[in-house]
Amino acid sequence: MSSRLMEANRPYTGTKSTDLSPDPVSNFSNRRCHLRVLGITGWMCAFAPATLADGHAAIQEPRNFLRFETVPDGKCQILSEGGQLVVLRNTHGSKKIRYRLTRYFADKQQGLSTGTVASGGEGQKLGCNKVDGRQQRWQIETAQFSKE
């Protein structure tokens, strides 16, 4: 059998067929690569649970369940063309949320409002988003689940 035919039947090892001794440099590089992969994997396993726990805690913040919605309203339309009623809704499945809001009218802070909004339901009516052609908005200052 010729040497060429023997080479064709031999599995590829990444080295020349005439040199079957292991290459110490490439072997060292392979070990370093494996150690890097193991190091990264170990780091991910060590810190992933803490990251997931922090992410879960952030999702459970009461303020994440509060939503401002605008709905058409005749009174707001009379006050200013295109005006709509702003409603604060609680999207949590079962818990009430106590809130404290800051109201801004024409980008100037006007006052605070507090209250409790039940889960589901119609929400808490806050006021019109436009008054005399100027914008009115609310911003959540604090929110916490109600103990009631």
Foldseek 3Di string as FASTA:
>chain_A
DDPVVVVVPDDDDPDDPVDPDDDPVVVVVVVVVVVVVVVVVVVCVVCVVVVVVVVVVVCPFQVVQKDWDWDADPVLCVQDNPKTWIFIAGQDDFWKKWFKKWKAKLNHTDDIDIDIFGHDDDGHTDGIQDGNRTGMDMDTDGMDTDPD
